[in-house]
Amino acid sequence: METRDLDLTEIINGEEITGPSPFGRHQRISGNLYDIIRQYVKAKDCGQVYYSPLDIIFEEGVNRLQPDILFIRKENMAIFQDWIRGVPDMVCEIISHGTYAKDTAVKRAIYERYRVPEYWIVLPEFETIEILTIENNSYKTHSIAEIEGVVTSKIIDGLQVNVRDIFD
């Protein structure tokens, strides 16, 4: 009997893509960022934060993605069913070697097409976080910080993240 790890399978523009599990550093960065966002969101009682693997089904059989972290505002929680069926308020991709083009071009275009309000791109190699927001149907940089500094979310009101806390 053939077995596959379906947890790491996405459907991107109708094509099933299976990827390897992330490296340890990726997981440490993801955990740090998730912890900070989750604590803030919980204290403000403004929604829910989730981490991968959890499918976002934008369009059945066409686009089913698994961002590293996602956020749904309290008033939009109806999209949380068995998986996420609809557009979350924020998605975050932590870029690993070998996923740069997929995460920063292909998945970015999909998130933009479905108008995900906020897209965080985390670049561990450069210790950089860039937050993009939809303006006039396309993503524009809202906040960026590298090595030091703070990024500010537009969607999670008042959330500021010190880059040092993510990459240490």
C-alpha atoms as a PDB file:
ATOM      1  CA  MET A   1       0.000   0.000   0.000  1.00  0.00           C
ATOM      2  CA  GLU A   2       1.378   3.366  -1.024  1.00  0.00           C
ATOM      3  CA  THR A   3       1.433   6.088   1.636  1.00  0.00           C
ATOM      4  CA  ARG A   4       1.900   9.799   1.161  1.00  0.00           C
ATOM      5  CA  ASP A   5       2.107  12.695   3.540  1.00  0.00           C
ATOM      6  CA  LEU A   6      -0.927  14.634   2.387  1.00  0.00           C
ATOM      7  CA  ASP A   7      -0.445  17.214   5.137  1.00  0.00           C
ATOM      8  CA  LEU A   8       2.151  19.014   3.018  1.00  0.00           C
ATOM      9  CA  THR A   9       0.187  18.933  -0.233  1.00  0.00           C
ATOM     10  CA  GLU A  10      -1.178  22.089  -1.810  1.00  0.00           C
ATOM     11  CA  ILE A  11      -3.161  22.623  -4.983  1.00  0.00           C
ATOM     12  CA  ILE A  12      -1.709  25.570  -6.856  1.00  0.00           C
ATOM     13  CA  ASN A  13      -3.529  26.692  -9.985  1.00  0.00           C
ATOM     14  CA  GLY A  14      -5.029  23.221 -10.375  1.00  0.00           C
ATOM     15  CA  GLU A  15      -1.743  21.323  -9.895  1.00  0.00           C
ATOM     16  CA  GLU A  16      -1.092  19.175  -6.834  1.00  0.00           C
ATOM     17  CA  ILE A  17       2.254  20.124  -5.265  1.00  0.00           C
ATOM     18  CA  THR A  18       3.833  18.106  -2.460  1.00  0.00           C
ATOM     19  CA  GLY A  19       6.743  19.548  -0.551  1.00  0.00           C
ATOM     20  CA  PRO A  20       9.135  18.383   2.158  1.00  0.00           C
ATOM     21  CA  SER A  21       8.669  19.318   5.779  1.00  0.00           C
ATOM     22  CA  PRO A  22      10.413  22.531   6.872  1.00  0.00           C
ATOM     23  CA  PHE A  23      13.835  22.636   8.517  1.00  0.00           C
ATOM     24  CA  GLY A  24      14.262  23.274  12.230  1.00  0.00           C
ATOM     25  CA  ARG A  25      15.156  26.970  11.885  1.00  0.00           C
ATOM     26  CA  HIS A  26      11.998  27.555   9.854  1.00  0.00           C
ATOM     27  CA  GLN A  27       9.958  25.941  12.633  1.00  0.00           C
ATOM     28  CA  ARG A  28      11.668  28.020  15.344  1.00  0.00           C
ATOM     29  CA  ILE A  29      10.931  31.244  13.422  1.00  0.00           C
ATOM     30  CA  SER A  30       7.356  30.133  12.754  1.00  0.00           C
ATOM     31  CA  GLY A  31       6.858  29.298  16.433  1.00  0.00           C
ATOM     32  CA  ASN A  32       8.270  32.639  17.593  1.00  0.00           C
ATOM     33  CA  LEU A  33       6.044  34.608  15.236  1.00  0.00           C
ATOM     34  CA  TYR A  34       2.960  32.503  15.981  1.00  0.00           C
ATOM     35  CA  ASP A  35       3.456  32.937  19.740  1.00  0.00           C
ATOM     36  CA  ILE A  36       3.705  36.724  19.473  1.00  0.00           C
ATOM     37  CA  ILE A  37       0.707  37.090  17.152  1.00  0.00           C
ATOM     38  CA  ARG A  38      -1.415  34.600  19.112  1.00  0.00           C
ATOM     39  CA  GLN A  39      -0.747  36.265  22.479  1.00  0.00           C
ATOM     40  CA  TYR A  40      -1.654  39.658  21.031  1.00  0.00           C
ATOM     41  CA  VAL A  41      -4.804  38.403  19.273  1.00  0.00           C
ATOM     42  CA  LYS A  42      -5.899  36.505  22.387  1.00  0.00           C
ATOM     43  CA  ALA A  43      -5.398  39.566  24.634  1.00  0.00           C
ATOM     44  CA  LYS A  44      -7.382  41.750  22.199  1.00  0.00           C
ATOM     45  CA  ASP A  45      -9.995  39.011  21.592  1.00  0.00           C
ATOM     46  CA  CYS A  46     -10.096  40.001  17.925  1.00  0.00           C
ATOM     47  CA  GLY A  47      -9.948  36.654  16.113  1.00  0.00           C
ATOM     48  CA  GLN A  48      -7.974  33.426  15.789  1.00  0.00           C
ATOM     49  CA  VAL A  49      -4.448  32.560  14.627  1.00  0.00           C
ATOM     50  CA  TYR A  50      -3.603  29.191  13.045  1.00  0.00           C
ATOM     51  CA  TYR A  51      -0.408  27.517  11.818  1.00  0.00           C
ATOM     52  CA  SER A  52       0.435  25.040   9.087  1.00  0.00           C
ATOM     53  CA  PRO A  53      -0.624  22.526   8.058  1.00  0.00           C
ATOM     54  CA  LEU A  54      -4.163  23.868   7.670  1.00  0.00           C
ATOM     55  CA  ASP A  55      -5.760  24.198   4.250  1.00  0.00           C
ATOM     56  CA  ILE A  56      -7.217  27.410   2.914  1.00  0.00           C
ATOM     57  CA  ILE A  57      -9.587  26.420   0.131  1.00  0.00           C
ATOM     58  CA  PHE A  58      -9.996  29.443  -2.115  1.00  0.00           C
ATOM     59  CA  GLU A  59     -11.513  27.430  -4.944  1.00  0.00           C
ATOM     60  CA  GLU A  60     -12.154  23.680  -4.730  1.00  0.00           C
ATOM     61  CA  GLY A  61      -9.708  21.736  -6.929  1.00  0.00           C
ATOM     62  CA  VAL A  62      -8.008  24.917  -8.127  1.00  0.00           C
ATOM     63  CA  ASN A  63      -6.290  26.654  -5.189  1.00  0.00           C
ATOM     64  CA  ARG A  64      -5.825  25.053  -1.780  1.00  0.00           C
ATOM     65  CA  LEU A  65      -2.861  26.589   0.025  1.00  0.00           C
ATOM     66  CA  GLN A  66      -1.170  26.113   3.390  1.00  0.00           C
ATOM     67  CA  PRO A  67       0.496  29.296   4.606  1.00  0.00           C
ATOM     68  CA  ASP A  68       2.754  28.979   7.632  1.00  0.00           C
ATOM     69  CA  ILE A  69       0.520  31.232   9.743  1.00  0.00           C
ATOM     70  CA  LEU A  70      -2.897  32.753   9.136  1.00  0.00           C
ATOM     71  CA  PHE A  71      -5.278  35.029  10.997  1.00  0.00           C
ATOM     72  CA  ILE A  72      -9.060  35.343  10.797  1.00  0.00           C
ATOM     73  CA  ARG A  73     -10.887  38.279  12.367  1.00  0.00           C
ATOM     74  CA  LYS A  74     -13.601  37.409  14.843  1.00  0.00           C
ATOM     75  CA  GLU A  75     -16.331  38.704  12.516  1.00  0.00           C
ATOM     76  CA  ASN A  76     -15.060  36.470   9.670  1.00  0.00           C
ATOM     77  CA  MET A  77     -14.878  33.182  11.612  1.00  0.00           C
ATOM     78  CA  ALA A  78     -17.693  31.660   9.517  1.00  0.00           C
ATOM     79  CA  ILE A  79     -15.014  30.705   6.957  1.00  0.00           C
ATOM     80  CA  PHE A  80     -13.477  28.332   9.536  1.00  0.00           C
ATOM     81  CA  GLN A  81     -15.204  25.016   8.924  1.00  0.00           C
ATOM     82  CA  ASP A  82     -13.424  21.685   8.425  1.00  0.00           C
ATOM     83  CA  TRP A  83     -10.691  23.783   6.819  1.00  0.00           C
ATOM     84  CA  ILE A  84     -10.649  27.456   5.939  1.00  0.00           C
ATOM     85  CA  ARG A  85     -13.184  27.932   3.157  1.00  0.00           C
ATOM     86  CA  GLY A  86     -12.789  31.505   2.025  1.00  0.00           C
ATOM     87  CA  VAL A  87     -10.351  34.364   2.396  1.00  0.00           C
ATOM     88  CA  PRO A  88      -8.490  34.795   5.699  1.00  0.00           C
ATOM     89  CA  ASP A  89      -7.557  38.296   6.843  1.00  0.00           C
ATOM     90  CA  MET A  90      -3.809  37.627   6.977  1.00  0.00           C
ATOM     91  CA  VAL A  91      -1.460  34.954   5.683  1.00  0.00           C
ATOM     92  CA  CYS A  92       2.247  34.536   6.376  1.00  0.00           C
ATOM     93  CA  GLU A  93       4.855  32.578   4.433  1.00  0.00           C
ATOM     94  CA  ILE A  94       8.289  31.872   5.856  1.00  0.00           C
ATOM     95  CA  ILE A  95      10.599  31.522   2.889  1.00  0.00           C
ATOM     96  CA  SER A  96      12.860  28.472   2.832  1.00  0.00           C
ATOM     97  CA  HIS A  97      15.594  27.605   0.366  1.00  0.00           C
ATOM     98  CA  GLY A  98      13.792  26.177  -2.619  1.00  0.00           C
ATOM     99  CA  THR A  99      10.448  27.930  -1.939  1.00  0.00           C
ATOM    100  CA  TYR A 100      11.388  31.513  -2.829  1.00  0.00           C
ATOM    101  CA  ALA A 101       9.747  31.608  -6.271  1.00  0.00           C
ATOM    102  CA  LYS A 102       6.706  29.614  -5.159  1.00  0.00           C
ATOM    103  CA  ASP A 103       6.074  31.758  -2.052  1.00  0.00           C
ATOM    104  CA  THR A 104       7.005  35.234  -3.317  1.00  0.00           C
ATOM    105  CA  ALA A 105       5.630  35.000  -6.861  1.00  0.00           C
ATOM    106  CA  VAL A 106       3.198  32.115  -7.415  1.00  0.00           C
ATOM    107  CA  LYS A 107       1.459  32.068  -4.018  1.00  0.00           C
ATOM    108  CA  ARG A 108       1.656  35.852  -3.758  1.00  0.00           C
ATOM    109  CA  ALA A 109      -0.269  36.127  -7.050  1.00  0.00           C
ATOM    110  CA  ILE A 110      -2.916  33.726  -5.736  1.00  0.00           C
ATOM    111  CA  TYR A 111      -3.292  35.616  -2.450  1.00  0.00           C
ATOM    112  CA  GLU A 112      -3.533  38.838  -4.437  1.00  0.00           C
ATOM    113  CA  ARG A 113      -6.118  37.371  -6.857  1.00  0.00           C
ATOM    114  CA  TYR A 114      -8.370  36.331  -3.963  1.00  0.00           C
ATOM    115  CA  ARG A 115      -7.685  39.652  -2.230  1.00  0.00           C
ATOM    116  CA  VAL A 116      -6.200  38.403   1.042  1.00  0.00           C
ATOM    117  CA  PRO A 117      -5.989  41.746   2.889  1.00  0.00           C
ATOM    118  CA  GLU A 118      -2.514  41.225   4.376  1.00  0.00           C
ATOM    119  CA  TYR A 119       0.431  39.033   3.327  1.00  0.00           C
ATOM    120  CA  TRP A 120       3.536  38.664   5.493  1.00  0.00           C
ATOM    121  CA  ILE A 121       6.749  37.489   3.818  1.00  0.00           C
ATOM    122  CA  VAL A 122       9.430  36.336   6.249  1.00  0.00           C
ATOM    123  CA  LEU A 123      12.955  35.982   4.845  1.00  0.00           C
ATOM    124  CA  PRO A 124      15.124  34.164   7.422  1.00  0.00           C
ATOM    125  CA  GLU A 125      18.266  34.450   5.296  1.00  0.00           C
ATOM    126  CA  PHE A 126      18.076  38.256   5.540  1.00  0.00           C
ATOM    127  CA  GLU A 127      16.273  38.424   8.908  1.00  0.00           C
ATOM    128  CA  THR A 128      13.573  40.470   7.192  1.00  0.00           C
ATOM    129  CA  ILE A 129       9.801  40.687   7.536  1.00  0.00           C
ATOM    130  CA  GLU A 130       7.759  42.484   4.894  1.00  0.00           C
ATOM    131  CA  ILE A 131       4.035  43.104   5.276  1.00  0.00           C
ATOM    132  CA  LEU A 132       2.045  43.665   2.087  1.00  0.00           C
ATOM    133  CA  THR A 133      -1.511  44.978   1.950  1.00  0.00           C
ATOM    134  CA  ILE A 134      -4.028  45.159  -0.889  1.00  0.00           C
ATOM    135  CA  GLU A 135      -4.321  48.606  -2.443  1.00  0.00           C
ATOM    136  CA  ASN A 136      -6.120  49.109  -5.767  1.00  0.00           C
ATOM    137  CA  ASN A 137      -6.239  45.341  -6.416  1.00  0.00           C
ATOM    138  CA  SER A 138      -2.510  44.713  -5.897  1.00  0.00           C
ATOM    139  CA  TYR A 139      -0.090  44.282  -3.017  1.00  0.00           C
ATOM    140  CA  LYS A 140       1.952  47.230  -1.813  1.00  0.00           C
ATOM    141  CA  THR A 141       4.520  47.233   0.984  1.00  0.00           C
ATOM    142  CA  HIS A 142       2.868  48.423   4.184  1.00  0.00           C
ATOM    143  CA  SER A 143       5.717  47.745   6.638  1.00  0.00           C
ATOM    144  CA  ILE A 144       9.205  46.250   6.416  1.00  0.00           C
ATOM    145  CA  ALA A 145      12.079  45.719   8.828  1.00  0.00           C
ATOM    146  CA  GLU A 146      15.356  43.854   8.573  1.00  0.00           C
ATOM    147  CA  ILE A 147      17.725  42.671  11.303  1.00  0.00           C
ATOM    148  CA  GLU A 148      16.387  45.307  13.701  1.00  0.00           C
ATOM    149  CA  GLY A 149      13.226  47.322  13.837  1.00  0.00           C
ATOM    150  CA  VAL A 150       9.521  46.737  14.072  1.00  0.00           C
ATOM    151  CA  VAL A 151       6.845  45.789  11.569  1.00  0.00           C
ATOM    152  CA  THR A 152       3.270  46.950  12.069  1.00  0.00           C
ATOM    153  CA  SER A 153       0.157  45.131  10.929  1.00  0.00           C
ATOM    154  CA  LYS A 154      -2.627  47.050   9.238  1.00  0.00           C
ATOM    155  CA  ILE A 155      -5.165  44.240   9.680  1.00  0.00           C
ATOM    156  CA  ILE A 156      -4.426  43.193  13.281  1.00  0.00           C
ATOM    157  CA  ASP A 157      -4.984  46.620  14.786  1.00  0.00           C
ATOM    158  CA  GLY A 158      -2.090  47.746  16.967  1.00  0.00           C
ATOM    159  CA  LEU A 159       0.093  44.658  16.446  1.00  0.00           C
ATOM    160  CA  GLN A 160       3.786  45.469  16.248  1.00  0.00           C
ATOM    161  CA  VAL A 161       6.468  42.800  15.953  1.00  0.00           C
ATOM    162  CA  ASN A 162      10.127  43.383  16.754  1.00  0.00           C
ATOM    163  CA  VAL A 163      12.151  41.524  14.133  1.00  0.00           C
ATOM    164  CA  ARG A 164      14.794  40.583  16.713  1.00  0.00           C
ATOM    165  CA  ASP A 165      12.204  38.576  18.664  1.00  0.00           C
ATOM    166  CA  ILE A 166      11.518  36.411  15.613  1.00  0.00           C
ATOM    167  CA  PHE A 167      15.024  35.488  14.501  1.00  0.00           C
ATOM    168  CA  ASP A 168      16.788  35.071  17.880  1.00  0.00           C
END
